[in-house]
Amino acid sequence: MTFTISGTQPEASISGNSLSELVSQAQELLLQIRQHPQFKGLRFDCDVALGDVKQYFNYLEWAVNADLEVSKFEGFTE
């Protein structure tokens, strides 16, 4: 299965990327979302803030670089 990321840039295939590369791409997308004028204008309430998601990816990036067993983290079940 191949996943793609769509946006203002050409579509990028993520099927062959390492987990570390995918985490970096996700962090870049979060930054773009946070800075987007439409996002800044949204008024909604949810249980998870964008900062929480960023912190999750920061921790995931640390775990990947430390060669921890990522599959045991919350949200990574088989």
C-alpha atoms as a PDB file:
ATOM      1  CA  MET A   1       0.000   0.000   0.000  1.00  0.00           C
ATOM      2  CA  THR A   2       1.305   3.450  -0.863  1.00  0.00           C
ATOM      3  CA  PHE A   3       0.341   6.590   1.040  1.00  0.00           C
ATOM      4  CA  THR A   4       0.791  10.090  -0.290  1.00  0.00           C
ATOM      5  CA  ILE A   5       0.926  13.507   1.292  1.00  0.00           C
ATOM      6  CA  SER A   6      -0.940  16.123  -0.700  1.00  0.00           C
ATOM      7  CA  GLY A   7      -0.454  19.825  -0.346  1.00  0.00           C
ATOM      8  CA  THR A   8       0.878  22.815  -2.175  1.00  0.00           C
ATOM      9  CA  GLN A   9       3.979  20.869  -3.093  1.00  0.00           C
ATOM     10  CA  PRO A  10       3.981  17.872  -5.459  1.00  0.00           C
ATOM     11  CA  GLU A  11       2.713  14.661  -3.914  1.00  0.00           C
ATOM     12  CA  ALA A  12       5.413  12.744  -2.078  1.00  0.00           C
ATOM     13  CA  SER A  13       5.276   8.987  -1.732  1.00  0.00           C
ATOM     14  CA  ILE A  14       5.895   7.897   1.847  1.00  0.00           C
ATOM     15  CA  SER A  15       5.834   4.136   1.318  1.00  0.00           C
ATOM     16  CA  GLY A  16       9.621   3.770   1.136  1.00  0.00           C
ATOM     17  CA  ASN A  17      10.666   6.309   3.757  1.00  0.00           C
ATOM     18  CA  SER A  18      12.147   5.395   7.122  1.00  0.00           C
ATOM     19  CA  LEU A  19      10.149   6.054  10.262  1.00  0.00           C
ATOM     20  CA  SER A  20      12.527   8.871  11.140  1.00  0.00           C
ATOM     21  CA  GLU A  21      11.843  10.550   7.776  1.00  0.00           C
ATOM     22  CA  LEU A  22       8.086  10.127   8.218  1.00  0.00           C
ATOM     23  CA  VAL A  23       8.228  11.712  11.678  1.00  0.00           C
ATOM     24  CA  SER A  24      10.179  14.658  10.260  1.00  0.00           C
ATOM     25  CA  GLN A  25       7.595  15.069   7.492  1.00  0.00           C
ATOM     26  CA  ALA A  26       4.780  14.966  10.036  1.00  0.00           C
ATOM     27  CA  GLN A  27       6.476  17.630  12.141  1.00  0.00           C
ATOM     28  CA  GLU A  28       6.877  19.847   9.066  1.00  0.00           C
ATOM     29  CA  LEU A  29       3.185  19.383   8.217  1.00  0.00           C
ATOM     30  CA  LEU A  30       2.204  20.344  11.773  1.00  0.00           C
ATOM     31  CA  LEU A  31       4.237  23.533  11.444  1.00  0.00           C
ATOM     32  CA  GLN A  32       2.552  24.345   8.120  1.00  0.00           C
ATOM     33  CA  ILE A  33      -0.878  23.677   9.623  1.00  0.00           C
ATOM     34  CA  ARG A  34      -0.162  25.843  12.669  1.00  0.00           C
ATOM     35  CA  GLN A  35       0.956  28.740  10.433  1.00  0.00           C
ATOM     36  CA  HIS A  36      -1.862  28.437   7.888  1.00  0.00           C
ATOM     37  CA  PRO A  37      -4.270  31.419   7.890  1.00  0.00           C
ATOM     38  CA  GLN A  38      -7.332  29.159   7.779  1.00  0.00           C
ATOM     39  CA  PHE A  39      -6.128  27.243  10.834  1.00  0.00           C
ATOM     40  CA  LYS A  40      -5.452  30.464  12.713  1.00  0.00           C
ATOM     41  CA  GLY A  41      -9.038  31.531  12.029  1.00  0.00           C
ATOM     42  CA  LEU A  42     -10.627  28.319  13.277  1.00  0.00           C
ATOM     43  CA  ARG A  43     -12.479  28.393  16.547  1.00  0.00           C
ATOM     44  CA  PHE A  44     -12.995  24.868  17.773  1.00  0.00           C
ATOM     45  CA  ASP A  45     -12.560  22.956  20.992  1.00  0.00           C
ATOM     46  CA  CYS A  46     -11.054  19.495  21.075  1.00  0.00           C
ATOM     47  CA  ASP A  47      -9.380  17.230  23.609  1.00  0.00           C
ATOM     48  CA  VAL A  48      -5.994  17.276  21.851  1.00  0.00           C
ATOM     49  CA  ALA A  49      -4.146  20.490  21.026  1.00  0.00           C
ATOM     50  CA  LEU A  50      -1.698  20.829  18.162  1.00  0.00           C
ATOM     51  CA  GLY A  51       1.050  21.273  20.753  1.00  0.00           C
ATOM     52  CA  ASP A  52       0.182  17.855  22.212  1.00  0.00           C
ATOM     53  CA  VAL A  53       0.557  16.284  18.780  1.00  0.00           C
ATOM     54  CA  LYS A  54       3.886  18.039  18.260  1.00  0.00           C
ATOM     55  CA  GLN A  55       5.127  16.775  21.630  1.00  0.00           C
ATOM     56  CA  TYR A  56       4.069  13.240  20.671  1.00  0.00           C
ATOM     57  CA  PHE A  57       6.103  13.444  17.456  1.00  0.00           C
ATOM     58  CA  ASN A  58       9.069  14.901  19.367  1.00  0.00           C
ATOM     59  CA  TYR A  59       8.969  11.891  21.695  1.00  0.00           C
ATOM     60  CA  LEU A  60       8.520   9.499  18.784  1.00  0.00           C
ATOM     61  CA  GLU A  61      11.502  11.062  17.003  1.00  0.00           C
ATOM     62  CA  TRP A  62      13.594  10.635  20.144  1.00  0.00           C
ATOM     63  CA  ALA A  63      12.517   7.001  20.472  1.00  0.00           C
ATOM     64  CA  VAL A  64      13.326   6.230  16.834  1.00  0.00           C
ATOM     65  CA  ASN A  65      16.765   7.800  17.139  1.00  0.00           C
ATOM     66  CA  ALA A  66      17.380   5.913  20.395  1.00  0.00           C
ATOM     67  CA  ASP A  67      16.385   2.613  18.699  1.00  0.00           C
ATOM     68  CA  LEU A  68      13.591   1.927  21.180  1.00  0.00           C
ATOM     69  CA  GLU A  69      10.835  -0.523  20.353  1.00  0.00           C
ATOM     70  CA  VAL A  70       8.356   1.980  18.909  1.00  0.00           C
ATOM     71  CA  SER A  71       5.607  -0.612  18.428  1.00  0.00           C
ATOM     72  CA  LYS A  72       5.061  -0.721  22.204  1.00  0.00           C
ATOM     73  CA  PHE A  73       4.100   2.978  22.387  1.00  0.00           C
ATOM     74  CA  GLU A  74       0.503   3.976  22.826  1.00  0.00           C
ATOM     75  CA  GLY A  75      -1.257   4.151  19.472  1.00  0.00           C
ATOM     76  CA  PHE A  76       1.089   1.700  17.749  1.00  0.00           C
ATOM     77  CA  THR A  77      -0.756  -1.588  18.055  1.00  0.00           C
ATOM     78  CA  GLU A  78      -0.769  -4.313  15.492  1.00  0.00           C
END
